[in-house]
PDB file of N, CA and C in Angstrom:
ATOM      1  N   UNK A   1     192.014  74.419 105.866  1.00  0.00           N
ATOM      2  CA  UNK A   1     191.324  74.734 106.911  1.00  0.00           C
ATOM      3  C   UNK A   1     191.144  76.211 107.111  1.00  0.00           C
ATOM      4  N   UNK A   2     192.373  76.991 106.843  1.00  0.00           N
ATOM      5  CA  UNK A   2     192.322  78.519 106.900  1.00  0.00           C
ATOM      6  C   UNK A   2     191.428  79.169 105.664  1.00  0.00           C
ATOM      7  N   UNK A   3     191.175  78.508 104.491  1.00  0.00           N
ATOM      8  CA  UNK A   3     190.538  78.582 103.401  1.00  0.00           C
ATOM      9  C   UNK A   3     189.052  78.504 104.066  1.00  0.00           C
ATOM     10  N   UNK A   4     188.616  77.317 104.637  1.00  0.00           N
ATOM     11  CA  UNK A   4     187.431  77.208 105.134  1.00  0.00           C
ATOM     12  C   UNK A   4     187.051  78.113 106.200  1.00  0.00           C
ATOM     13  N   UNK A   5     188.130  78.798 107.102  1.00  0.00           N
ATOM     14  CA  UNK A   5     187.742  79.693 108.265  1.00  0.00           C
ATOM     15  C   UNK A   5     187.587  80.869 107.354  1.00  0.00           C
ATOM     16  N   UNK A   6     188.144  81.300 106.448  1.00  0.00           N
ATOM     17  CA  UNK A   6     188.098  82.522 105.608  1.00  0.00           C
ATOM     18  C   UNK A   6     186.647  82.506 105.177  1.00  0.00           C
ATOM     19  N   UNK A   7     186.355  81.323 104.217  1.00  0.00           N
ATOM     20  CA  UNK A   7     185.002  81.068 103.776  1.00  0.00           C
ATOM     21  C   UNK A   7     183.892  81.541 104.592  1.00  0.00           C
ATOM     22  N   UNK A   8     184.039  80.873 105.790  1.00  0.00           N
ATOM     23  CA  UNK A   8     182.936  81.070 106.851  1.00  0.00           C
ATOM     24  C   UNK A   8     182.763  82.648 107.365  1.00  0.00           C
ATOM     25  N   UNK A   9     183.856  83.146 107.416  1.00  0.00           N
ATOM     26  CA  UNK A   9     183.665  84.718 107.900  1.00  0.00           C
ATOM     27  C   UNK A   9     183.205  85.721 106.869  1.00  0.00           C
ATOM     28  N   UNK A  10     183.458  85.267 105.340  1.00  0.00           N
ATOM     29  CA  UNK A  10     182.627  85.841 104.371  1.00  0.00           C
ATOM     30  C   UNK A  10     181.194  85.707 104.425  1.00  0.00           C
ATOM     31  N   UNK A  11     180.746  84.315 104.821  1.00  0.00           N
ATOM     32  CA  UNK A  11     179.442  84.114 104.848  1.00  0.00           C
ATOM     33  C   UNK A  11     179.056  85.151 105.591  1.00  0.00           C
ATOM     34  N   UNK A  12     179.245  85.096 107.086  1.00  0.00           N
ATOM     35  CA  UNK A  12     178.862  85.869 108.012  1.00  0.00           C
ATOM     36  C   UNK A  12     178.962  87.433 107.649  1.00  0.00           C
ATOM     37  N   UNK A  13     179.560  87.867 106.907  1.00  0.00           N
ATOM     38  CA  UNK A  13     179.786  88.908 106.666  1.00  0.00           C
ATOM     39  C   UNK A  13     178.445  89.306 105.570  1.00  0.00           C
ATOM     40  N   UNK A  14     178.328  88.524 104.580  1.00  0.00           N
ATOM     41  CA  UNK A  14     177.366  88.461 103.836  1.00  0.00           C
ATOM     42  C   UNK A  14     176.072  88.682 104.394  1.00  0.00           C
ATOM     43  N   UNK A  15     175.762  88.090 105.442  1.00  0.00           N
ATOM     44  CA  UNK A  15     174.450  88.126 106.301  1.00  0.00           C
ATOM     45  C   UNK A  15     174.184  89.516 106.691  1.00  0.00           C
ATOM     46  N   UNK A  16     175.230  90.380 106.727  1.00  0.00           N
ATOM     47  CA  UNK A  16     174.967  91.746 107.503  1.00  0.00           C
ATOM     48  C   UNK A  16     173.965  92.702 106.176  1.00  0.00           C
ATOM     49  N   UNK A  17     174.107  91.915 105.182  1.00  0.00           N
ATOM     50  CA  UNK A  17     173.250  92.585 104.140  1.00  0.00           C
ATOM     51  C   UNK A  17     171.766  92.490 104.097  1.00  0.00           C
ATOM     52  N   UNK A  18     171.495  91.411 105.130  1.00  0.00           N
ATOM     53  CA  UNK A  18     170.014  91.322 105.428  1.00  0.00           C
ATOM     54  C   UNK A  18     170.133  91.611 106.881  1.00  0.00           C
ATOM     55  N   UNK A  19     170.855  92.211 107.694  1.00  0.00           N
ATOM     56  CA  UNK A  19     170.768  92.068 109.095  1.00  0.00           C
ATOM     57  C   UNK A  19     169.436  92.611 109.594  1.00  0.00           C
ATOM     58  N   UNK A  20     169.168  93.741 108.890  1.00  0.00           N
ATOM     59  CA  UNK A  20     167.945  94.310 109.642  1.00  0.00           C
ATOM     60  C   UNK A  20     166.801  93.631 109.719  1.00  0.00           C
ATOM     61  N   UNK A  21     166.337  92.884 108.505  1.00  0.00           N
ATOM     62  CA  UNK A  21     165.183  92.190 108.325  1.00  0.00           C
ATOM     63  C   UNK A  21     165.506  90.727 109.151  1.00  0.00           C
ATOM     64  N   UNK A  22     166.592  90.267 108.924  1.00  0.00           N
ATOM     65  CA  UNK A  22     166.840  88.963 109.459  1.00  0.00           C
ATOM     66  C   UNK A  22     166.830  89.218 111.130  1.00  0.00           C
ATOM     67  N   UNK A  23     167.598  90.322 111.467  1.00  0.00           N
ATOM     68  CA  UNK A  23     168.057  90.418 113.034  1.00  0.00           C
ATOM     69  C   UNK A  23     166.654  90.756 113.484  1.00  0.00           C
ATOM     70  N   UNK A  24     165.671  91.500 113.038  1.00  0.00           N
ATOM     71  CA  UNK A  24     164.280  91.582 113.180  1.00  0.00           C
ATOM     72  C   UNK A  24     163.263  90.236 113.586  1.00  0.00           C
ATOM     73  N   UNK A  25     163.371  89.726 112.540  1.00  0.00           N
ATOM     74  CA  UNK A  25     162.781  88.177 112.674  1.00  0.00           C
ATOM     75  C   UNK A  25     163.201  87.400 113.560  1.00  0.00           C
ATOM     76  N   UNK A  26     164.557  87.550 114.168  1.00  0.00           N
ATOM     77  CA  UNK A  26     165.376  86.556 115.063  1.00  0.00           C
ATOM     78  C   UNK A  26     164.912  87.138 116.545  1.00  0.00           C
ATOM     79  N   UNK A  27     164.990  88.503 116.314  1.00  0.00           N
ATOM     80  CA  UNK A  27     164.556  89.054 117.576  1.00  0.00           C
ATOM     81  C   UNK A  27     163.116  88.699 118.300  1.00  0.00           C
ATOM     82  N   UNK A  28     162.264  88.703 116.970  1.00  0.00           N
ATOM     83  CA  UNK A  28     160.806  88.239 117.347  1.00  0.00           C
ATOM     84  C   UNK A  28     160.511  86.725 117.511  1.00  0.00           C
ATOM     85  N   UNK A  29     161.845  86.021 117.200  1.00  0.00           N
ATOM     86  CA  UNK A  29     161.405  84.575 117.263  1.00  0.00           C
ATOM     87  C   UNK A  29     160.810  83.966 116.261  1.00  0.00           C
ATOM     88  N   UNK A  30     160.679  84.478 115.167  1.00  0.00           N
ATOM     89  CA  UNK A  30     159.982  83.962 113.894  1.00  0.00           C
ATOM     90  C   UNK A  30     160.811  82.989 113.374  1.00  0.00           C
ATOM     91  N   UNK A  31     162.421  83.264 113.216  1.00  0.00           N
ATOM     92  CA  UNK A  31     163.123  82.415 112.714  1.00  0.00           C
ATOM     93  C   UNK A  31     164.190  81.953 113.634  1.00  0.00           C
ATOM     94  N   UNK A  32     165.071  80.728 113.102  1.00  0.00           N
ATOM     95  CA  UNK A  32     165.951  80.530 113.803  1.00  0.00           C
ATOM     96  C   UNK A  32     166.963  79.531 112.712  1.00  0.00           C
ATOM     97  N   UNK A  33     168.030  79.275 113.592  1.00  0.00           N
ATOM     98  CA  UNK A  33     169.246  78.599 112.865  1.00  0.00           C
ATOM     99  C   UNK A  33     168.765  77.248 113.005  1.00  0.00           C
ATOM    100  N   UNK A  34     168.649  76.465 111.616  1.00  0.00           N
ATOM    101  CA  UNK A  34     167.910  74.965 111.750  1.00  0.00           C
ATOM    102  C   UNK A  34     169.533  74.261 111.862  1.00  0.00           C
ATOM    103  N   UNK A  35     169.252  72.809 112.005  1.00  0.00           N
ATOM    104  CA  UNK A  35     170.338  72.071 112.308  1.00  0.00           C
ATOM    105  C   UNK A  35     170.843  71.775 111.008  1.00  0.00           C
ATOM    106  N   UNK A  36     170.214  72.140 109.774  1.00  0.00           N
ATOM    107  CA  UNK A  36     170.702  72.064 108.583  1.00  0.00           C
ATOM    108  C   UNK A  36     171.971  72.944 108.232  1.00  0.00           C
ATOM    109  N   UNK A  37     171.966  73.943 108.904  1.00  0.00           N
ATOM    110  CA  UNK A  37     172.618  75.104 108.465  1.00  0.00           C
ATOM    111  C   UNK A  37     172.063  76.183 107.542  1.00  0.00           C
ATOM    112  N   UNK A  38     170.948  75.903 107.734  1.00  0.00           N
ATOM    113  CA  UNK A  38     169.770  76.848 106.996  1.00  0.00           C
ATOM    114  C   UNK A  38     168.933  77.535 107.928  1.00  0.00           C
ATOM    115  N   UNK A  39     168.576  78.564 107.278  1.00  0.00           N
ATOM    116  CA  UNK A  39     167.423  79.206 108.334  1.00  0.00           C
ATOM    117  C   UNK A  39     165.813  78.751 108.133  1.00  0.00           C
ATOM    118  N   UNK A  40     165.105  78.691 109.331  1.00  0.00           N
ATOM    119  CA  UNK A  40     163.965  78.205 109.396  1.00  0.00           C
ATOM    120  C   UNK A  40     162.816  79.038 110.251  1.00  0.00           C
ATOM    121  N   UNK A  41     161.731  78.500 109.762  1.00  0.00           N
ATOM    122  CA  UNK A  41     160.460  79.367 110.944  1.00  0.00           C
ATOM    123  C   UNK A  41     160.454  78.546 112.068  1.00  0.00           C
ATOM    124  N   UNK A  42     160.497  79.234 113.103  1.00  0.00           N
ATOM    125  CA  UNK A  42     160.385  78.809 114.268  1.00  0.00           C
ATOM    126  C   UNK A  42     158.824  78.549 114.726  1.00  0.00           C
ATOM    127  N   UNK A  43     158.098  79.636 114.342  1.00  0.00           N
ATOM    128  CA  UNK A  43     156.690  79.543 114.448  1.00  0.00           C
ATOM    129  C   UNK A  43     155.958  79.295 113.191  1.00  0.00           C
ATOM    130  N   UNK A  44     154.831  78.511 113.306  1.00  0.00           N
ATOM    131  CA  UNK A  44     154.185  77.900 112.380  1.00  0.00           C
ATOM    132  C   UNK A  44     152.779  78.555 112.508  1.00  0.00           C
ATOM    133  N   UNK A  45     151.943  78.881 111.295  1.00  0.00           N
ATOM    134  CA  UNK A  45     152.493  78.818 110.061  1.00  0.00           C
ATOM    135  C   UNK A  45     153.203  80.336 109.955  1.00  0.00           C
ATOM    136  N   UNK A  46     154.384  80.472 109.224  1.00  0.00           N
ATOM    137  CA  UNK A  46     154.959  81.668 108.885  1.00  0.00           C
ATOM    138  C   UNK A  46     154.419  82.257 107.900  1.00  0.00           C
ATOM    139  N   UNK A  47     154.370  83.813 108.223  1.00  0.00           N
ATOM    140  CA  UNK A  47     153.654  84.733 107.243  1.00  0.00           C
ATOM    141  C   UNK A  47     154.751  84.885 106.002  1.00  0.00           C
ATOM    142  N   UNK A  48     154.057  85.194 105.010  1.00  0.00           N
ATOM    143  CA  UNK A  48     154.734  85.384 103.653  1.00  0.00           C
ATOM    144  C   UNK A  48     155.856  86.075 103.645  1.00  0.00           C
ATOM    145  N   UNK A  49     155.740  87.295 104.381  1.00  0.00           N
ATOM    146  CA  UNK A  49     157.064  87.830 104.572  1.00  0.00           C
ATOM    147  C   UNK A  49     158.114  87.113 105.034  1.00  0.00           C
ATOM    148  N   UNK A  50     157.889  86.364 105.988  1.00  0.00           N
ATOM    149  CA  UNK A  50     159.120  85.633 106.730  1.00  0.00           C
ATOM    150  C   UNK A  50     159.560  84.387 105.817  1.00  0.00           C
ATOM    151  N   UNK A  51     158.537  83.941 104.972  1.00  0.00           N
ATOM    152  CA  UNK A  51     158.833  82.540 104.411  1.00  0.00           C
ATOM    153  C   UNK A  51     159.844  83.440 103.360  1.00  0.00           C
ATOM    154  N   UNK A  52     159.537  84.381 102.699  1.00  0.00           N
ATOM    155  CA  UNK A  52     160.361  85.200 101.398  1.00  0.00           C
ATOM    156  C   UNK A  52     161.792  85.460 102.289  1.00  0.00           C
ATOM    157  N   UNK A  53     161.871  85.701 103.469  1.00  0.00           N
ATOM    158  CA  UNK A  53     163.081  86.150 103.956  1.00  0.00           C
ATOM    159  C   UNK A  53     163.903  84.792 104.092  1.00  0.00           C
ATOM    160  N   UNK A  54     163.122  83.713 104.792  1.00  0.00           N
ATOM    161  CA  UNK A  54     163.893  82.637 104.566  1.00  0.00           C
ATOM    162  C   UNK A  54     164.188  81.828 103.363  1.00  0.00           C
ATOM    163  N   UNK A  55     163.595  82.163 102.227  1.00  0.00           N
ATOM    164  CA  UNK A  55     164.082  81.579 100.905  1.00  0.00           C
ATOM    165  C   UNK A  55     165.093  82.382 100.272  1.00  0.00           C
ATOM    166  N   UNK A  56     165.002  83.693 100.888  1.00  0.00           N
ATOM    167  CA  UNK A  56     166.438  84.555 100.234  1.00  0.00           C
ATOM    168  C   UNK A  56     167.681  84.284 100.817  1.00  0.00           C
ATOM    169  N   UNK A  57     167.318  84.315 102.293  1.00  0.00           N
ATOM    170  CA  UNK A  57     168.637  83.886 102.981  1.00  0.00           C
ATOM    171  C   UNK A  57     169.205  82.725 102.528  1.00  0.00           C
ATOM    172  N   UNK A  58     168.571  81.637 102.713  1.00  0.00           N
ATOM    173  CA  UNK A  58     168.679  80.049 102.198  1.00  0.00           C
ATOM    174  C   UNK A  58     169.314  79.846 101.070  1.00  0.00           C
ATOM    175  N   UNK A  59     168.721  80.948 100.010  1.00  0.00           N
ATOM    176  CA  UNK A  59     169.372  80.627  98.557  1.00  0.00           C
ATOM    177  C   UNK A  59     170.922  81.319  98.521  1.00  0.00           C
ATOM    178  N   UNK A  60     171.097  82.372  99.296  1.00  0.00           N
ATOM    179  CA  UNK A  60     172.212  83.000  99.470  1.00  0.00           C
ATOM    180  C   UNK A  60     173.491  82.125 100.183  1.00  0.00           C
ATOM    181  N   UNK A  61     172.848  81.407 101.475  1.00  0.00           N
ATOM    182  CA  UNK A  61     173.872  80.381 101.945  1.00  0.00           C
ATOM    183  C   UNK A  61     173.892  79.211 101.157  1.00  0.00           C
ATOM    184  N   UNK A  62     173.053  78.820 100.461  1.00  0.00           N
ATOM    185  CA  UNK A  62     173.342  77.615  99.546  1.00  0.00           C
ATOM    186  C   UNK A  62     174.252  77.943  98.742  1.00  0.00           C
ATOM    187  N   UNK A  63     174.367  79.077  97.919  1.00  0.00           N
ATOM    188  CA  UNK A  63     175.402  79.599  97.067  1.00  0.00           C
ATOM    189  C   UNK A  63     176.865  79.562  97.624  1.00  0.00           C
ATOM    190  N   UNK A  64     176.985  80.127  99.019  1.00  0.00           N
ATOM    191  CA  UNK A  64     178.178  80.248  99.810  1.00  0.00           C
ATOM    192  C   UNK A  64     178.650  78.745  99.975  1.00  0.00           C
ATOM    193  N   UNK A  65     177.736  78.139 100.552  1.00  0.00           N
ATOM    194  CA  UNK A  65     178.269  76.542 100.787  1.00  0.00           C
ATOM    195  C   UNK A  65     178.439  75.873  99.840  1.00  0.00           C
ATOM    196  N   UNK A  66     178.015  75.990  98.423  1.00  0.00           N
ATOM    197  CA  UNK A  66     178.651  75.414  97.249  1.00  0.00           C
ATOM    198  C   UNK A  66     180.069  76.121  96.912  1.00  0.00           C
ATOM    199  N   UNK A  67     179.993  77.221  97.193  1.00  0.00           N
ATOM    200  CA  UNK A  67     181.186  77.876  96.480  1.00  0.00           C
ATOM    201  C   UNK A  67     182.318  77.430  97.614  1.00  0.00           C
ATOM    202  N   UNK A  68     181.837  77.351  98.875  1.00  0.00           N
ATOM    203  CA  UNK A  68     182.756  76.892  99.674  1.00  0.00           C
ATOM    204  C   UNK A  68     183.511  75.390  99.788  1.00  0.00           C
ATOM    205  N   UNK A  69     182.538  74.589  99.421  1.00  0.00           N
ATOM    206  CA  UNK A  69     182.731  73.292  99.138  1.00  0.00           C
ATOM    207  C   UNK A  69     183.647  73.224  97.968  1.00  0.00           C
ATOM    208  N   UNK A  70     183.341  73.820  97.070  1.00  0.00           N
ATOM    209  CA  UNK A  70     184.266  73.569  95.639  1.00  0.00           C
ATOM    210  C   UNK A  70     185.570  74.172  96.180  1.00  0.00           C
ATOM    211  N   UNK A  71     185.705  75.042  97.029  1.00  0.00           N
ATOM    212  CA  UNK A  71     187.090  75.703  97.305  1.00  0.00           C
ATOM    213  C   UNK A  71     187.985  74.724  98.311  1.00  0.00           C
ATOM    214  N   UNK A  72     187.147  73.962  99.132  1.00  0.00           N
ATOM    215  CA  UNK A  72     188.132  73.223 100.102  1.00  0.00           C
ATOM    216  C   UNK A  72     187.887  71.809 100.027  1.00  0.00           C
ATOM    217  N   UNK A  73     187.119  71.368  99.028  1.00  0.00           N
ATOM    218  CA  UNK A  73     186.871  69.748  98.828  1.00  0.00           C
ATOM    219  C   UNK A  73     186.111  69.003  99.612  1.00  0.00           C
ATOM    220  N   UNK A  74     185.303  70.030 100.700  1.00  0.00           N
ATOM    221  CA  UNK A  74     184.443  69.422 101.247  1.00  0.00           C
ATOM    222  C   UNK A  74     183.116  69.324 100.696  1.00  0.00           C
ATOM    223  N   UNK A  75     182.027  68.572 101.383  1.00  0.00           N
ATOM    224  CA  UNK A  75     180.717  68.443 100.623  1.00  0.00           C
ATOM    225  C   UNK A  75     179.966  69.628 101.085  1.00  0.00           C
ATOM    226  N   UNK A  76     179.172  69.988 100.313  1.00  0.00           N
ATOM    227  CA  UNK A  76     177.918  71.126 100.554  1.00  0.00           C
ATOM    228  C   UNK A  76     177.410  70.696 102.201  1.00  0.00           C
ATOM    229  N   UNK A  77     177.022  69.331 102.354  1.00  0.00           N
ATOM    230  CA  UNK A  77     176.616  69.131 103.655  1.00  0.00           C
ATOM    231  C   UNK A  77     177.587  69.331 104.724  1.00  0.00           C
ATOM    232  N   UNK A  78     178.821  68.949 104.636  1.00  0.00           N
ATOM    233  CA  UNK A  78     179.691  69.262 105.436  1.00  0.00           C
ATOM    234  C   UNK A  78     180.057  70.903 105.806  1.00  0.00           C
ATOM    235  N   UNK A  79     179.975  71.519 104.957  1.00  0.00           N
ATOM    236  CA  UNK A  79     180.128  72.961 105.057  1.00  0.00           C
ATOM    237  C   UNK A  79     178.840  73.502 105.859  1.00  0.00           C
ATOM    238  N   UNK A  80     177.588  73.091 105.382  1.00  0.00           N
ATOM    239  CA  UNK A  80     176.624  73.689 105.654  1.00  0.00           C
ATOM    240  C   UNK A  80     176.564  73.285 107.472  1.00  0.00           C
ATOM    241  N   UNK A  81     177.009  71.917 107.686  1.00  0.00           N
ATOM    242  CA  UNK A  81     176.739  71.646 109.111  1.00  0.00           C
ATOM    243  C   UNK A  81     177.875  72.271 110.000  1.00  0.00           C
ATOM    244  N   UNK A  82     178.933  72.787 109.116  1.00  0.00           N
ATOM    245  CA  UNK A  82     180.257  73.280 110.165  1.00  0.00           C
ATOM    246  C   UNK A  82     179.442  74.898 110.112  1.00  0.00           C
ATOM    247  N   UNK A  83     178.852  75.332 109.038  1.00  0.00           N
ATOM    248  CA  UNK A  83     178.203  76.919 109.476  1.00  0.00           C
ATOM    249  C   UNK A  83     177.194  76.713 110.463  1.00  0.00           C
ATOM    250  N   UNK A  84     176.312  75.653 110.658  1.00  0.00           N
ATOM    251  CA  UNK A  84     175.464  75.420 111.582  1.00  0.00           C
ATOM    252  C   UNK A  84     176.028  75.488 113.087  1.00  0.00           C
ATOM    253  N   UNK A  85     177.205  74.901 113.158  1.00  0.00           N
ATOM    254  CA  UNK A  85     177.951  74.709 114.499  1.00  0.00           C
ATOM    255  C   UNK A  85     178.354  76.191 115.046  1.00  0.00           C
ATOM    256  N   UNK A  86     178.992  76.905 113.896  1.00  0.00           N
ATOM    257  CA  UNK A  86     179.540  78.343 114.120  1.00  0.00           C
ATOM    258  C   UNK A  86     178.056  79.222 114.581  1.00  0.00           C
ATOM    259  N   UNK A  87     177.319  78.957 113.728  1.00  0.00           N
ATOM    260  CA  UNK A  87     175.732  79.830 113.970  1.00  0.00           C
ATOM    261  C   UNK A  87     175.294  79.621 115.306  1.00  0.00           C
ATOM    262  N   UNK A  88     175.219  78.399 115.742  1.00  0.00           N
ATOM    263  CA  UNK A  88     174.982  78.236 117.285  1.00  0.00           C
ATOM    264  C   UNK A  88     175.825  79.090 118.170  1.00  0.00           C
ATOM    265  N   UNK A  89     176.920  78.931 117.936  1.00  0.00           N
ATOM    266  CA  UNK A  89     177.921  79.592 118.829  1.00  0.00           C
ATOM    267  C   UNK A  89     177.905  81.027 118.775  1.00  0.00           C
ATOM    268  N   UNK A  90     177.298  81.749 117.764  1.00  0.00           N
ATOM    269  CA  UNK A  90     177.089  83.145 117.465  1.00  0.00           C
ATOM    270  C   UNK A  90     175.727  83.366 117.798  1.00  0.00           C
ATOM    271  N   UNK A  91     174.819  82.403 117.946  1.00  0.00           N
ATOM    272  CA  UNK A  91     173.253  82.761 118.414  1.00  0.00           C
ATOM    273  C   UNK A  91     173.173  83.582 119.504  1.00  0.00           C
ATOM    274  N   UNK A  92     172.489  84.965 119.323  1.00  0.00           N
ATOM    275  CA  UNK A  92     172.467  85.882 120.461  1.00  0.00           C
ATOM    276  C   UNK A  92     171.298  85.148 121.668  1.00  0.00           C
ATOM    277  N   UNK A  93     171.671  85.622 122.879  1.00  0.00           N
ATOM    278  CA  UNK A  93     170.789  85.306 123.884  1.00  0.00           C
ATOM    279  C   UNK A  93     169.246  85.389 123.365  1.00  0.00           C
ATOM    280  N   UNK A  94     168.366  84.439 123.827  1.00  0.00           N
ATOM    281  CA  UNK A  94     167.135  85.075 123.302  1.00  0.00           C
ATOM    282  C   UNK A  94     166.522  84.590 121.792  1.00  0.00           C
ATOM    283  N   UNK A  95     167.430  84.011 121.193  1.00  0.00           N
ATOM    284  CA  UNK A  95     167.400  83.498 119.845  1.00  0.00           C
ATOM    285  C   UNK A  95     167.118  82.084 119.897  1.00  0.00           C
ATOM    286  N   UNK A  96     166.757  81.491 118.657  1.00  0.00           N
ATOM    287  CA  UNK A  96     166.459  80.338 118.348  1.00  0.00           C
ATOM    288  C   UNK A  96     167.447  79.461 117.746  1.00  0.00           C
ATOM    289  N   UNK A  97     167.557  78.055 118.037  1.00  0.00           N
ATOM    290  CA  UNK A  97     168.569  77.482 116.913  1.00  0.00           C
ATOM    291  C   UNK A  97     167.908  76.036 117.469  1.00  0.00           C
ATOM    292  N   UNK A  98     168.053  75.145 116.363  1.00  0.00           N
ATOM    293  CA  UNK A  98     167.767  73.651 116.458  1.00  0.00           C
ATOM    294  C   UNK A  98     168.496  72.888 117.188  1.00  0.00           C
ATOM    295  N   UNK A  99     168.367  71.995 117.967  1.00  0.00           N
ATOM    296  CA  UNK A  99     169.367  70.770 118.606  1.00  0.00           C
ATOM    297  C   UNK A  99     169.285  69.706 117.456  1.00  0.00           C
ATOM    298  N   UNK A 100     170.130  68.800 117.886  1.00  0.00           N
ATOM    299  CA  UNK A 100     170.285  67.688 117.076  1.00  0.00           C
ATOM    300  C   UNK A 100     168.816  67.078 116.525  1.00  0.00           C
ATOM    301  N   UNK A 101     167.958  66.975 117.634  1.00  0.00           N
ATOM    302  CA  UNK A 101     166.814  66.467 117.303  1.00  0.00           C
ATOM    303  C   UNK A 101     165.761  67.085 116.433  1.00  0.00           C
ATOM    304  N   UNK A 102     166.327  68.281 116.325  1.00  0.00           N
ATOM    305  CA  UNK A 102     165.162  69.202 115.560  1.00  0.00           C
ATOM    306  C   UNK A 102     164.383  70.089 116.319  1.00  0.00           C
ATOM    307  N   UNK A 103     164.584  70.114 117.620  1.00  0.00           N
ATOM    308  CA  UNK A 103     163.825  70.868 118.805  1.00  0.00           C
ATOM    309  C   UNK A 103     164.394  72.184 118.651  1.00  0.00           C
ATOM    310  N   UNK A 104     163.474  73.467 118.814  1.00  0.00           N
ATOM    311  CA  UNK A 104     163.838  74.523 119.022  1.00  0.00           C
ATOM    312  C   UNK A 104     164.274  74.926 120.264  1.00  0.00           C
ATOM    313  N   UNK A 105     165.317  75.335 120.471  1.00  0.00           N
ATOM    314  CA  UNK A 105     165.955  75.900 121.722  1.00  0.00           C
ATOM    315  C   UNK A 105     166.040  77.151 121.667  1.00  0.00           C
ATOM    316  N   UNK A 106     165.690  78.009 122.949  1.00  0.00           N
ATOM    317  CA  UNK A 106     166.157  79.515 123.086  1.00  0.00           C
ATOM    318  C   UNK A 106     167.447  79.451 123.739  1.00  0.00           C
ATOM    319  N   UNK A 107     168.468  80.324 123.163  1.00  0.00           N
ATOM    320  CA  UNK A 107     169.462  80.355 123.855  1.00  0.00           C
ATOM    321  C   UNK A 107     169.473  81.530 125.101  1.00  0.00           C
TER     322      UNK A 107
END
């Protein structure tokens, strides 16, 4: 459990590398935390720039999820779901996340 928590802290720390672009997209309500553990477009159609940001963030998340799953014995889906739960807790007021039914909710 301690290794899993450490891995999640590292995932959040890695996001800081994209914080400016990601933060701007979240502030503008363009992207949010999907209930899959990945980033998704809140508004459709998403611009090419937003789609590129989503692809980049999600590729990095996937790598971290796979690494964490390998280190902890959990499945990638379990790691992604736990990341989602933590991401919702950390979602700032005014930002979006998906509920269990896939509806966008503004925190």
